Amino acid sequence: MQILEYFNHLEDIELYIILGLFVFTIWFILNTIKYYKGEKRKVKHLHKFAKEGEIEAQQHLAHRYHKGYTVKKSCQKAAFWYQKAAFSGDDDAKGFLKKMLKKKNC
């Protein structure tokens, strides 16, 4: 008798596991969407501040374009923003720009 009750509880455990996996999947999807919306917002703000002449924003934006981090990888845009930052006096941007010109590719 006890063995039958034990196996009946296993059926309940399977349902709880399936329910837990379903809840986790929904949570994961929603947090992934939230993360990418936040990254998109960051890139939008970086563009705004970079256009206003903030050197750090220009360098961060150039780095994102250089690596393809949450934006489409673009050597031209990366070089453009590194050049803007370099003209504003950022030594790191000058170094990255020199490396890009030596390699002649991203």
C-alpha atoms as a PDB file:
ATOM      1  CA  MET A   1       0.000   0.000   0.000  1.00  0.00           C
ATOM      2  CA  GLN A   2       2.780   2.421   0.870  1.00  0.00           C
ATOM      3  CA  ILE A   3       4.558   1.711  -2.403  1.00  0.00           C
ATOM      4  CA  LEU A   4       1.449   2.713  -4.412  1.00  0.00           C
ATOM      5  CA  GLU A   5       1.140   5.976  -2.464  1.00  0.00           C
ATOM      6  CA  TYR A   6       4.819   6.676  -3.114  1.00  0.00           C
ATOM      7  CA  PHE A   7       4.329   6.255  -6.880  1.00  0.00           C
ATOM      8  CA  ASN A   8       1.211   8.456  -6.800  1.00  0.00           C
ATOM      9  CA  HIS A   9       3.299  11.247  -5.235  1.00  0.00           C
ATOM     10  CA  LEU A  10       5.866  10.888  -8.017  1.00  0.00           C
ATOM     11  CA  GLU A  11       3.225  11.916 -10.531  1.00  0.00           C
ATOM     12  CA  ASP A  12       2.657  15.090  -8.521  1.00  0.00           C
ATOM     13  CA  ILE A  13       6.385  15.758  -8.394  1.00  0.00           C
ATOM     14  CA  GLU A  14       6.598  15.545 -12.176  1.00  0.00           C
ATOM     15  CA  LEU A  15       3.831  18.127 -12.488  1.00  0.00           C
ATOM     16  CA  TYR A  16       5.621  20.447 -10.059  1.00  0.00           C
ATOM     17  CA  ILE A  17       8.864  20.029 -11.988  1.00  0.00           C
ATOM     18  CA  ILE A  18       7.117  20.831 -15.265  1.00  0.00           C
ATOM     19  CA  LEU A  19       5.405  23.827 -13.671  1.00  0.00           C
ATOM     20  CA  GLY A  20       8.721  25.018 -12.216  1.00  0.00           C
ATOM     21  CA  LEU A  21      10.444  24.716 -15.606  1.00  0.00           C
ATOM     22  CA  PHE A  22       7.592  26.608 -17.253  1.00  0.00           C
ATOM     23  CA  VAL A  23       7.799  29.447 -14.703  1.00  0.00           C
ATOM     24  CA  PHE A  24      11.598  29.560 -15.050  1.00  0.00           C
ATOM     25  CA  THR A  25      11.337  29.719 -18.849  1.00  0.00           C
ATOM     26  CA  ILE A  26       8.868  32.616 -18.714  1.00  0.00           C
ATOM     27  CA  TRP A  27      11.061  34.432 -16.152  1.00  0.00           C
ATOM     28  CA  PHE A  28      14.162  33.876 -18.317  1.00  0.00           C
ATOM     29  CA  ILE A  29      12.483  35.187 -21.474  1.00  0.00           C
ATOM     30  CA  LEU A  30      11.136  38.294 -19.731  1.00  0.00           C
ATOM     31  CA  ASN A  31      14.506  39.108 -18.151  1.00  0.00           C
ATOM     32  CA  THR A  32      16.286  38.616 -21.476  1.00  0.00           C
ATOM     33  CA  ILE A  33      13.901  41.050 -23.147  1.00  0.00           C
ATOM     34  CA  LYS A  34      14.373  43.507 -20.284  1.00  0.00           C
ATOM     35  CA  TYR A  35      18.172  43.229 -20.590  1.00  0.00           C
ATOM     36  CA  TYR A  36      18.219  43.891 -24.342  1.00  0.00           C
ATOM     37  CA  LYS A  37      15.824  46.828 -24.010  1.00  0.00           C
ATOM     38  CA  GLY A  38      18.172  48.272 -21.385  1.00  0.00           C
ATOM     39  CA  GLU A  39      21.182  47.790 -23.663  1.00  0.00           C
ATOM     40  CA  LYS A  40      19.317  49.419 -26.529  1.00  0.00           C
ATOM     41  CA  ARG A  41      18.517  52.357 -24.265  1.00  0.00           C
ATOM     42  CA  LYS A  42      22.198  52.621 -23.258  1.00  0.00           C
ATOM     43  CA  VAL A  43      23.291  52.780 -26.899  1.00  0.00           C
ATOM     44  CA  LYS A  44      20.679  55.465 -27.591  1.00  0.00           C
ATOM     45  CA  HIS A  45      22.007  57.537 -24.671  1.00  0.00           C
ATOM     46  CA  LEU A  46      25.607  56.965 -25.778  1.00  0.00           C
ATOM     47  CA  HIS A  47      24.728  58.344 -29.217  1.00  0.00           C
ATOM     48  CA  LYS A  48      23.108  61.377 -27.651  1.00  0.00           C
ATOM     49  CA  PHE A  49      26.037  62.147 -25.357  1.00  0.00           C
ATOM     50  CA  ALA A  50      28.653  61.332 -28.007  1.00  0.00           C
ATOM     51  CA  LYS A  51      27.019  63.767 -30.433  1.00  0.00           C
ATOM     52  CA  GLU A  52      27.128  66.391 -27.681  1.00  0.00           C
ATOM     53  CA  GLY A  53      30.906  65.915 -27.508  1.00  0.00           C
ATOM     54  CA  GLU A  54      31.429  63.780 -24.411  1.00  0.00           C
ATOM     55  CA  ILE A  55      34.723  61.989 -24.933  1.00  0.00           C
ATOM     56  CA  GLU A  56      33.943  58.976 -22.749  1.00  0.00           C
ATOM     57  CA  ALA A  57      30.643  58.366 -24.558  1.00  0.00           C
ATOM     58  CA  GLN A  58      32.424  58.614 -27.911  1.00  0.00           C
ATOM     59  CA  GLN A  59      35.010  56.051 -26.870  1.00  0.00           C
ATOM     60  CA  HIS A  60      32.412  53.647 -25.420  1.00  0.00           C
ATOM     61  CA  LEU A  61      30.308  53.935 -28.555  1.00  0.00           C
ATOM     62  CA  ALA A  62      33.352  53.329 -30.760  1.00  0.00           C
ATOM     63  CA  HIS A  63      34.259  50.267 -28.711  1.00  0.00           C
ATOM     64  CA  ARG A  64      30.725  48.876 -29.069  1.00  0.00           C
ATOM     65  CA  TYR A  65      30.856  49.316 -32.851  1.00  0.00           C
ATOM     66  CA  HIS A  66      34.364  47.845 -32.989  1.00  0.00           C
ATOM     67  CA  LYS A  67      33.350  44.690 -31.082  1.00  0.00           C
ATOM     68  CA  GLY A  68      29.746  44.499 -32.288  1.00  0.00           C
ATOM     69  CA  TYR A  69      28.441  44.646 -28.736  1.00  0.00           C
ATOM     70  CA  THR A  70      24.634  45.154 -28.891  1.00  0.00           C
ATOM     71  CA  VAL A  71      25.071  47.013 -32.210  1.00  0.00           C
ATOM     72  CA  LYS A  72      25.927  45.804 -35.680  1.00  0.00           C
ATOM     73  CA  LYS A  73      29.706  45.605 -36.012  1.00  0.00           C
ATOM     74  CA  SER A  74      30.954  48.470 -38.152  1.00  0.00           C
ATOM     75  CA  CYS A  75      34.583  49.413 -38.683  1.00  0.00           C
ATOM     76  CA  GLN A  76      33.594  52.724 -40.251  1.00  0.00           C
ATOM     77  CA  LYS A  77      31.431  53.809 -37.331  1.00  0.00           C
ATOM     78  CA  ALA A  78      34.041  52.607 -34.840  1.00  0.00           C
ATOM     79  CA  ALA A  79      36.755  54.586 -36.623  1.00  0.00           C
ATOM     80  CA  PHE A  80      34.479  57.639 -36.795  1.00  0.00           C
ATOM     81  CA  TRP A  81      33.808  57.667 -33.043  1.00  0.00           C
ATOM     82  CA  TYR A  82      37.421  56.817 -32.148  1.00  0.00           C
ATOM     83  CA  GLN A  83      38.515  59.704 -34.363  1.00  0.00           C
ATOM     84  CA  LYS A  84      36.049  62.089 -32.691  1.00  0.00           C
ATOM     85  CA  ALA A  85      37.334  61.046 -29.262  1.00  0.00           C
ATOM     86  CA  ALA A  86      40.958  61.276 -30.410  1.00  0.00           C
ATOM     87  CA  PHE A  87      40.439  64.801 -31.754  1.00  0.00           C
ATOM     88  CA  SER A  88      38.944  65.702 -28.374  1.00  0.00           C
ATOM     89  CA  GLY A  89      42.174  64.567 -26.700  1.00  0.00           C
ATOM     90  CA  ASP A  90      41.510  60.980 -25.624  1.00  0.00           C
ATOM     91  CA  ASP A  91      44.822  59.083 -25.713  1.00  0.00           C
ATOM     92  CA  ASP A  92      43.165  55.652 -25.510  1.00  0.00           C
ATOM     93  CA  ALA A  93      41.077  56.449 -28.571  1.00  0.00           C
ATOM     94  CA  LYS A  94      44.228  57.525 -30.419  1.00  0.00           C
ATOM     95  CA  GLY A  95      45.801  54.166 -29.612  1.00  0.00           C
ATOM     96  CA  PHE A  96      42.757  52.207 -30.769  1.00  0.00           C
ATOM     97  CA  LEU A  97      42.581  54.263 -33.948  1.00  0.00           C
ATOM     98  CA  LYS A  98      46.264  53.607 -34.713  1.00  0.00           C
ATOM     99  CA  LYS A  99      45.751  49.868 -34.202  1.00  0.00           C
ATOM    100  CA  MET A 100      42.737  49.898 -36.507  1.00  0.00           C
ATOM    101  CA  LEU A 101      44.662  51.754 -39.202  1.00  0.00           C
ATOM    102  CA  LYS A 102      47.612  49.354 -38.960  1.00  0.00           C
ATOM    103  CA  LYS A 103      45.357  46.293 -39.272  1.00  0.00           C
ATOM    104  CA  LYS A 104      43.179  47.953 -41.948  1.00  0.00           C
ATOM    105  CA  ASN A 105      40.263  45.927 -40.623  1.00  0.00           C
ATOM    106  CA  CYS A 106      38.367  45.442 -37.379  1.00  0.00           C
END
